[in-house]
PDB file of N, CA and C in Angstrom:
ATOM      1  N   MET A   1     -27.943  -4.516   3.107  1.00  0.00           N
ATOM      2  CA  MET A   1     -26.916  -4.454   2.120  1.00  0.00           C
ATOM      3  C   MET A   1     -26.271  -3.210   1.997  1.00  0.00           C
ATOM      4  N   THR A   2     -24.980  -3.190   1.684  1.00  0.00           N
ATOM      5  CA  THR A   2     -24.102  -1.995   1.733  1.00  0.00           C
ATOM      6  C   THR A   2     -24.322  -1.399   0.285  1.00  0.00           C
ATOM      7  N   GLN A   3     -24.395  -0.038   0.280  1.00  0.00           N
ATOM      8  CA  GLN A   3     -24.382   0.773  -1.019  1.00  0.00           C
ATOM      9  C   GLN A   3     -23.207   0.539  -1.833  1.00  0.00           C
ATOM     10  N   SER A   4     -23.315   0.387  -3.100  1.00  0.00           N
ATOM     11  CA  SER A   4     -22.108   0.200  -3.992  1.00  0.00           C
ATOM     12  C   SER A   4     -21.496   1.525  -4.201  1.00  0.00           C
ATOM     13  N   PRO A   5     -20.230   1.744  -4.106  1.00  0.00           N
ATOM     14  CA  PRO A   5     -19.545   2.956  -4.438  1.00  0.00           C
ATOM     15  C   PRO A   5     -19.550   3.199  -5.901  1.00  0.00           C
ATOM     16  N   SER A   6     -19.587   4.470  -6.403  1.00  0.00           N
ATOM     17  CA  SER A   6     -19.593   4.800  -7.764  1.00  0.00           C
ATOM     18  C   SER A   6     -18.142   4.960  -8.132  1.00  0.00           C
ATOM     19  N   LEU A   7     -17.592   4.036  -8.965  1.00  0.00           N
ATOM     20  CA  LEU A   7     -16.112   4.147  -9.343  1.00  0.00           C
ATOM     21  C   LEU A   7     -15.975   4.041 -10.830  1.00  0.00           C
ATOM     22  N   GLN A   8     -14.998   4.757 -11.302  1.00  0.00           N
ATOM     23  CA  GLN A   8     -14.651   4.555 -12.770  1.00  0.00           C
ATOM     24  C   GLN A   8     -13.453   3.577 -12.733  1.00  0.00           C
ATOM     25  N   GLY A   9     -13.316   2.998 -13.920  1.00  0.00           N
ATOM     26  CA  GLY A   9     -12.246   1.995 -14.159  1.00  0.00           C
ATOM     27  C   GLY A   9     -10.891   2.375 -13.602  1.00  0.00           C
ATOM     28  N   LYS A  10     -10.391   3.586 -13.915  1.00  0.00           N
ATOM     29  CA  LYS A  10      -9.096   4.047 -13.472  1.00  0.00           C
ATOM     30  C   LYS A  10      -9.009   4.068 -11.960  1.00  0.00           C
ATOM     31  N   GLN A  11     -10.102   4.497 -11.328  1.00  0.00           N
ATOM     32  CA  GLN A  11     -10.093   4.629  -9.873  1.00  0.00           C
ATOM     33  C   GLN A  11     -10.044   3.233  -9.271  1.00  0.00           C
ATOM     34  N   LEU A  12     -10.771   2.274  -9.760  1.00  0.00           N
ATOM     35  CA  LEU A  12     -10.723   0.896  -9.246  1.00  0.00           C
ATOM     36  C   LEU A  12      -9.484   0.233  -9.482  1.00  0.00           C
ATOM     37  N   ILE A  13      -8.698   0.452 -10.585  1.00  0.00           N
ATOM     38  CA  ILE A  13      -7.346  -0.014 -10.793  1.00  0.00           C
ATOM     39  C   ILE A  13      -6.353   0.542  -9.798  1.00  0.00           C
ATOM     40  N   LYS A  14      -6.524   1.747  -9.481  1.00  0.00           N
ATOM     41  CA  LYS A  14      -5.661   2.420  -8.466  1.00  0.00           C
ATOM     42  C   LYS A  14      -5.821   1.726  -7.114  1.00  0.00           C
ATOM     43  N   VAL A  15      -7.106   1.500  -6.716  1.00  0.00           N
ATOM     44  CA  VAL A  15      -7.345   0.850  -5.465  1.00  0.00           C
ATOM     45  C   VAL A  15      -6.799  -0.617  -5.501  1.00  0.00           C
ATOM     46  N   LEU A  16      -6.959  -1.301  -6.520  1.00  0.00           N
ATOM     47  CA  LEU A  16      -6.402  -2.726  -6.566  1.00  0.00           C
ATOM     48  C   LEU A  16      -4.855  -2.708  -6.563  1.00  0.00           C
ATOM     49  N   LYS A  17      -4.254  -1.749  -7.216  1.00  0.00           N
ATOM     50  CA  LYS A  17      -2.786  -1.708  -7.220  1.00  0.00           C
ATOM     51  C   LYS A  17      -2.257  -1.515  -5.831  1.00  0.00           C
ATOM     52  N   ALA A  18      -3.056  -0.799  -4.951  1.00  0.00           N
ATOM     53  CA  ALA A  18      -2.616  -0.566  -3.540  1.00  0.00           C
ATOM     54  C   ALA A  18      -2.572  -1.924  -2.842  1.00  0.00           C
ATOM     55  N   ILE A  19      -3.220  -2.935  -3.244  1.00  0.00           N
ATOM     56  CA  ILE A  19      -3.168  -4.237  -2.528  1.00  0.00           C
ATOM     57  C   ILE A  19      -2.479  -5.241  -3.424  1.00  0.00           C
ATOM     58  N   LYS A  20      -1.525  -4.770  -4.137  1.00  0.00           N
ATOM     59  CA  LYS A  20      -0.538  -5.619  -4.936  1.00  0.00           C
ATOM     60  C   LYS A  20      -1.058  -6.277  -6.148  1.00  0.00           C
ATOM     61  N   PHE A  21      -2.142  -5.767  -6.669  1.00  0.00           N
ATOM     62  CA  PHE A  21      -2.580  -6.273  -8.064  1.00  0.00           C
ATOM     63  C   PHE A  21      -1.726  -5.475  -9.119  1.00  0.00           C
ATOM     64  N   SER A  22      -1.456  -6.083 -10.264  1.00  0.00           N
ATOM     65  CA  SER A  22      -0.671  -5.337 -11.241  1.00  0.00           C
ATOM     66  C   SER A  22      -1.346  -5.573 -12.668  1.00  0.00           C
ATOM     67  N   VAL A  23      -1.171  -4.599 -13.524  1.00  0.00           N
ATOM     68  CA  VAL A  23      -1.786  -4.748 -14.785  1.00  0.00           C
ATOM     69  C   VAL A  23      -0.804  -5.624 -15.652  1.00  0.00           C
ATOM     70  N   ILE A  24      -1.276  -6.728 -16.094  1.00  0.00           N
ATOM     71  CA  ILE A  24      -0.439  -7.705 -16.836  1.00  0.00           C
ATOM     72  C   ILE A  24      -0.512  -7.393 -18.342  1.00  0.00           C
ATOM     73  N   ARG A  25      -1.712  -6.982 -18.847  1.00  0.00           N
ATOM     74  CA  ARG A  25      -1.834  -6.630 -20.204  1.00  0.00           C
ATOM     75  C   ARG A  25      -3.032  -5.699 -20.448  1.00  0.00           C
ATOM     76  N   ILE A  26      -3.115  -5.119 -21.557  1.00  0.00           N
ATOM     77  CA  ILE A  26      -4.275  -4.248 -21.911  1.00  0.00           C
ATOM     78  C   ILE A  26      -4.613  -4.593 -23.342  1.00  0.00           C
ATOM     79  N   LYS A  27      -5.927  -4.909 -23.594  1.00  0.00           N
ATOM     80  CA  LYS A  27      -6.398  -5.165 -24.864  1.00  0.00           C
ATOM     81  C   LYS A  27      -7.606  -4.183 -25.168  1.00  0.00           C
ATOM     82  N   GLY A  28      -7.391  -3.163 -25.881  1.00  0.00           N
ATOM     83  CA  GLY A  28      -8.434  -2.148 -26.150  1.00  0.00           C
ATOM     84  C   GLY A  28      -8.646  -1.371 -24.851  1.00  0.00           C
ATOM     85  N   SER A  29      -9.886  -1.400 -24.395  1.00  0.00           N
ATOM     86  CA  SER A  29     -10.126  -0.634 -23.191  1.00  0.00           C
ATOM     87  C   SER A  29     -10.164  -1.580 -21.943  1.00  0.00           C
ATOM     88  N   HIS A  30      -9.775  -2.854 -22.114  1.00  0.00           N
ATOM     89  CA  HIS A  30      -9.917  -3.791 -20.968  1.00  0.00           C
ATOM     90  C   HIS A  30      -8.479  -4.089 -20.348  1.00  0.00           C
ATOM     91  N   HIS A  31      -8.355  -3.755 -19.132  1.00  0.00           N
ATOM     92  CA  HIS A  31      -7.105  -3.960 -18.372  1.00  0.00           C
ATOM     93  C   HIS A  31      -7.192  -5.255 -17.571  1.00  0.00           C
ATOM     94  N   PHE A  32      -6.216  -6.137 -17.811  1.00  0.00           N
ATOM     95  CA  PHE A  32      -6.174  -7.431 -17.119  1.00  0.00           C
ATOM     96  C   PHE A  32      -5.266  -7.282 -15.953  1.00  0.00           C
ATOM     97  N   LEU A  33      -5.739  -7.563 -14.727  1.00  0.00           N
ATOM     98  CA  LEU A  33      -4.940  -7.388 -13.452  1.00  0.00           C
ATOM     99  C   LEU A  33      -4.778  -8.777 -12.939  1.00  0.00           C
ATOM    100  N   ARG A  34      -3.538  -8.952 -12.236  1.00  0.00           N
ATOM    101  CA  ARG A  34      -3.400 -10.221 -11.497  1.00  0.00           C
ATOM    102  C   ARG A  34      -2.605  -9.948 -10.268  1.00  0.00           C
ATOM    103  N   HIS A  35      -2.819 -10.764  -9.282  1.00  0.00           N
ATOM    104  CA  HIS A  35      -2.259 -10.668  -7.955  1.00  0.00           C
ATOM    105  C   HIS A  35      -1.125 -11.709  -7.928  1.00  0.00           C
ATOM    106  N   VAL A  36      -0.124 -11.603  -7.081  1.00  0.00           N
ATOM    107  CA  VAL A  36       0.889 -12.506  -6.955  1.00  0.00           C
ATOM    108  C   VAL A  36       0.482 -13.919  -6.587  1.00  0.00           C
ATOM    109  N   ASP A  37      -0.649 -14.013  -5.848  1.00  0.00           N
ATOM    110  CA  ASP A  37      -1.203 -15.295  -5.378  1.00  0.00           C
ATOM    111  C   ASP A  37      -2.134 -15.964  -6.455  1.00  0.00           C
ATOM    112  N   GLY A  38      -2.310 -15.389  -7.585  1.00  0.00           N
ATOM    113  CA  GLY A  38      -3.067 -15.982  -8.705  1.00  0.00           C
ATOM    114  C   GLY A  38      -4.410 -15.373  -9.027  1.00  0.00           C
ATOM    115  N   ARG A  39      -4.919 -14.633  -8.087  1.00  0.00           N
ATOM    116  CA  ARG A  39      -6.254 -13.951  -8.347  1.00  0.00           C
ATOM    117  C   ARG A  39      -6.086 -13.026  -9.503  1.00  0.00           C
ATOM    118  N   SER A  40      -7.182 -13.017 -10.355  1.00  0.00           N
ATOM    119  CA  SER A  40      -7.097 -12.121 -11.591  1.00  0.00           C
ATOM    120  C   SER A  40      -8.499 -11.591 -11.892  1.00  0.00           C
ATOM    121  N   THR A  41      -8.586 -10.493 -12.581  1.00  0.00           N
ATOM    122  CA  THR A  41      -9.792  -9.868 -13.089  1.00  0.00           C
ATOM    123  C   THR A  41      -9.498  -8.999 -14.258  1.00  0.00           C
ATOM    124  N   VAL A  42     -10.609  -8.552 -14.893  1.00  0.00           N
ATOM    125  CA  VAL A  42     -10.557  -7.714 -15.975  1.00  0.00           C
ATOM    126  C   VAL A  42     -11.413  -6.455 -15.675  1.00  0.00           C
ATOM    127  N   ILE A  43     -10.848  -5.319 -15.942  1.00  0.00           N
ATOM    128  CA  ILE A  43     -11.576  -3.999 -15.633  1.00  0.00           C
ATOM    129  C   ILE A  43     -11.615  -3.225 -16.907  1.00  0.00           C
ATOM    130  N   PRO A  44     -12.917  -2.802 -17.318  1.00  0.00           N
ATOM    131  CA  PRO A  44     -13.016  -1.919 -18.502  1.00  0.00           C
ATOM    132  C   PRO A  44     -12.673  -0.508 -18.011  1.00  0.00           C
ATOM    133  N   VAL A  45     -11.966   0.261 -18.836  1.00  0.00           N
ATOM    134  CA  VAL A  45     -11.674   1.629 -18.612  1.00  0.00           C
ATOM    135  C   VAL A  45     -12.242   2.458 -19.757  1.00  0.00           C
ATOM    136  N   HIS A  46     -13.439   3.044 -19.546  1.00  0.00           N
ATOM    137  CA  HIS A  46     -13.993   3.903 -20.513  1.00  0.00           C
ATOM    138  C   HIS A  46     -14.185   5.267 -19.850  1.00  0.00           C
ATOM    139  N   SER A  47     -13.670   6.287 -20.508  1.00  0.00           N
ATOM    140  CA  SER A  47     -13.699   7.632 -20.010  1.00  0.00           C
ATOM    141  C   SER A  47     -15.069   8.093 -19.715  1.00  0.00           C
ATOM    142  N   GLY A  48     -15.313   8.646 -18.508  1.00  0.00           N
ATOM    143  CA  GLY A  48     -16.601   9.303 -18.134  1.00  0.00           C
ATOM    144  C   GLY A  48     -17.635   8.247 -17.760  1.00  0.00           C
ATOM    145  N   GLU A  49     -17.417   6.912 -17.796  1.00  0.00           N
ATOM    146  CA  GLU A  49     -18.354   6.006 -17.372  1.00  0.00           C
ATOM    147  C   GLU A  49     -17.918   5.304 -16.099  1.00  0.00           C
ATOM    148  N   THR A  50     -18.927   5.019 -15.265  1.00  0.00           N
ATOM    149  CA  THR A  50     -18.751   4.342 -13.887  1.00  0.00           C
ATOM    150  C   THR A  50     -18.992   2.874 -14.224  1.00  0.00           C
ATOM    151  N   ILE A  51     -18.411   2.056 -13.378  1.00  0.00           N
ATOM    152  CA  ILE A  51     -18.620   0.640 -13.381  1.00  0.00           C
ATOM    153  C   ILE A  51     -19.956   0.291 -12.735  1.00  0.00           C
ATOM    154  N   GLY A  52     -20.774  -0.427 -13.355  1.00  0.00           N
ATOM    155  CA  GLY A  52     -22.121  -0.713 -12.742  1.00  0.00           C
ATOM    156  C   GLY A  52     -22.066  -1.652 -11.632  1.00  0.00           C
ATOM    157  N   PRO A  53     -23.151  -1.753 -10.847  1.00  0.00           N
ATOM    158  CA  PRO A  53     -23.104  -2.576  -9.613  1.00  0.00           C
ATOM    159  C   PRO A  53     -22.929  -3.998  -9.896  1.00  0.00           C
ATOM    160  N   GLY A  54     -23.484  -4.570 -10.947  1.00  0.00           N
ATOM    161  CA  GLY A  54     -23.293  -5.987 -11.281  1.00  0.00           C
ATOM    162  C   GLY A  54     -21.832  -6.382 -11.653  1.00  0.00           C
ATOM    163  N   LEU A  55     -21.260  -5.516 -12.464  1.00  0.00           N
ATOM    164  CA  LEU A  55     -19.896  -5.721 -12.837  1.00  0.00           C
ATOM    165  C   LEU A  55     -18.943  -5.602 -11.634  1.00  0.00           C
ATOM    166  N   LEU A  56     -19.225  -4.543 -10.833  1.00  0.00           N
ATOM    167  CA  LEU A  56     -18.395  -4.354  -9.637  1.00  0.00           C
ATOM    168  C   LEU A  56     -18.443  -5.513  -8.773  1.00  0.00           C
ATOM    169  N   THR A  57     -19.666  -6.130  -8.538  1.00  0.00           N
ATOM    170  CA  THR A  57     -19.776  -7.423  -7.764  1.00  0.00           C
ATOM    171  C   THR A  57     -18.952  -8.470  -8.364  1.00  0.00           C
ATOM    172  N   LYS A  58     -18.953  -8.673  -9.656  1.00  0.00           N
ATOM    173  CA  LYS A  58     -18.168  -9.741 -10.298  1.00  0.00           C
ATOM    174  C   LYS A  58     -16.655  -9.475 -10.030  1.00  0.00           C
ATOM    175  N   ILE A  59     -16.266  -8.170 -10.221  1.00  0.00           N
ATOM    176  CA  ILE A  59     -14.715  -7.914 -10.044  1.00  0.00           C
ATOM    177  C   ILE A  59     -14.441  -8.247  -8.634  1.00  0.00           C
ATOM    178  N   LEU A  60     -15.216  -7.863  -7.639  1.00  0.00           N
ATOM    179  CA  LEU A  60     -14.872  -8.014  -6.287  1.00  0.00           C
ATOM    180  C   LEU A  60     -14.814  -9.506  -5.907  1.00  0.00           C
ATOM    181  N   ARG A  61     -15.762 -10.314  -6.559  1.00  0.00           N
ATOM    182  CA  ARG A  61     -15.714 -11.738  -6.358  1.00  0.00           C
ATOM    183  C   ARG A  61     -14.476 -12.404  -6.937  1.00  0.00           C
ATOM    184  N   ASP A  62     -13.959 -11.844  -8.083  1.00  0.00           N
ATOM    185  CA  ASP A  62     -12.760 -12.396  -8.784  1.00  0.00           C
ATOM    186  C   ASP A  62     -11.545 -12.040  -7.897  1.00  0.00           C
ATOM    187  N   CYS A  63     -11.597 -10.888  -7.223  1.00  0.00           N
ATOM    188  CA  CYS A  63     -10.475 -10.455  -6.302  1.00  0.00           C
ATOM    189  C   CYS A  63     -10.662 -10.926  -4.919  1.00  0.00           C
ATOM    190  N   GLU A  64     -11.674 -11.678  -4.689  1.00  0.00           N
ATOM    191  CA  GLU A  64     -11.987 -12.179  -3.248  1.00  0.00           C
ATOM    192  C   GLU A  64     -11.996 -11.156  -2.249  1.00  0.00           C
ATOM    193  N   LEU A  65     -12.702 -10.035  -2.585  1.00  0.00           N
ATOM    194  CA  LEU A  65     -12.898  -8.867  -1.644  1.00  0.00           C
ATOM    195  C   LEU A  65     -14.349  -8.689  -1.414  1.00  0.00           C
ATOM    196  N   SER A  66     -14.643  -8.033  -0.252  1.00  0.00           N
ATOM    197  CA  SER A  66     -16.055  -7.661   0.009  1.00  0.00           C
ATOM    198  C   SER A  66     -16.261  -6.155  -0.250  1.00  0.00           C
ATOM    199  N   ARG A  67     -17.446  -5.797  -0.294  1.00  0.00           N
ATOM    200  CA  ARG A  67     -17.755  -4.310  -0.573  1.00  0.00           C
ATOM    201  C   ARG A  67     -17.162  -3.500   0.640  1.00  0.00           C
ATOM    202  N   ASP A  68     -17.241  -4.019   1.854  1.00  0.00           N
ATOM    203  CA  ASP A  68     -16.680  -3.411   3.039  1.00  0.00           C
ATOM    204  C   ASP A  68     -15.134  -3.252   2.928  1.00  0.00           C
ATOM    205  N   ASP A  69     -14.506  -4.288   2.423  1.00  0.00           N
ATOM    206  CA  ASP A  69     -13.063  -4.160   2.173  1.00  0.00           C
ATOM    207  C   ASP A  69     -12.720  -3.080   1.127  1.00  0.00           C
ATOM    208  N   LEU A  70     -13.554  -3.020   0.091  1.00  0.00           N
ATOM    209  CA  LEU A  70     -13.277  -1.992  -0.984  1.00  0.00           C
ATOM    210  C   LEU A  70     -13.446  -0.646  -0.308  1.00  0.00           C
ATOM    211  N   LEU A  71     -14.464  -0.380   0.502  1.00  0.00           N
ATOM    212  CA  LEU A  71     -14.721   0.925   1.097  1.00  0.00           C
ATOM    213  C   LEU A  71     -13.541   1.274   2.045  1.00  0.00           C
ATOM    214  N   LYS A  72     -12.997   0.288   2.778  1.00  0.00           N
ATOM    215  CA  LYS A  72     -11.884   0.506   3.650  1.00  0.00           C
ATOM    216  C   LYS A  72     -10.655   1.020   2.850  1.00  0.00           C
ATOM    217  N   LEU A  73     -10.496   0.385   1.686  1.00  0.00           N
ATOM    218  CA  LEU A  73      -9.265   0.745   0.818  1.00  0.00           C
ATOM    219  C   LEU A  73      -9.416   2.091   0.189  1.00  0.00           C
ATOM    220  N   MET A  74     -10.574   2.599  -0.013  1.00  0.00           N
ATOM    221  CA  MET A  74     -10.741   3.891  -0.708  1.00  0.00           C
ATOM    222  C   MET A  74     -10.474   5.078   0.194  1.00  0.00           C
TER     223      MET A  74
END
């Protein structure tokens, strides 16, 4: 199994924007992102906190990306 990268919410949003995801709305600390082909996900942005491995797995599943794909984009 590949080691999970340690990312904060803002860093993950920056990576996803590079592959054509865009922030469609923000409610509190949750950023809702959508791709032009319909994929969507929600990313919490809390200052100083990293995204846990379980939540990162869920976000990657929503975006139809693998951990290897994420590492290549970083």
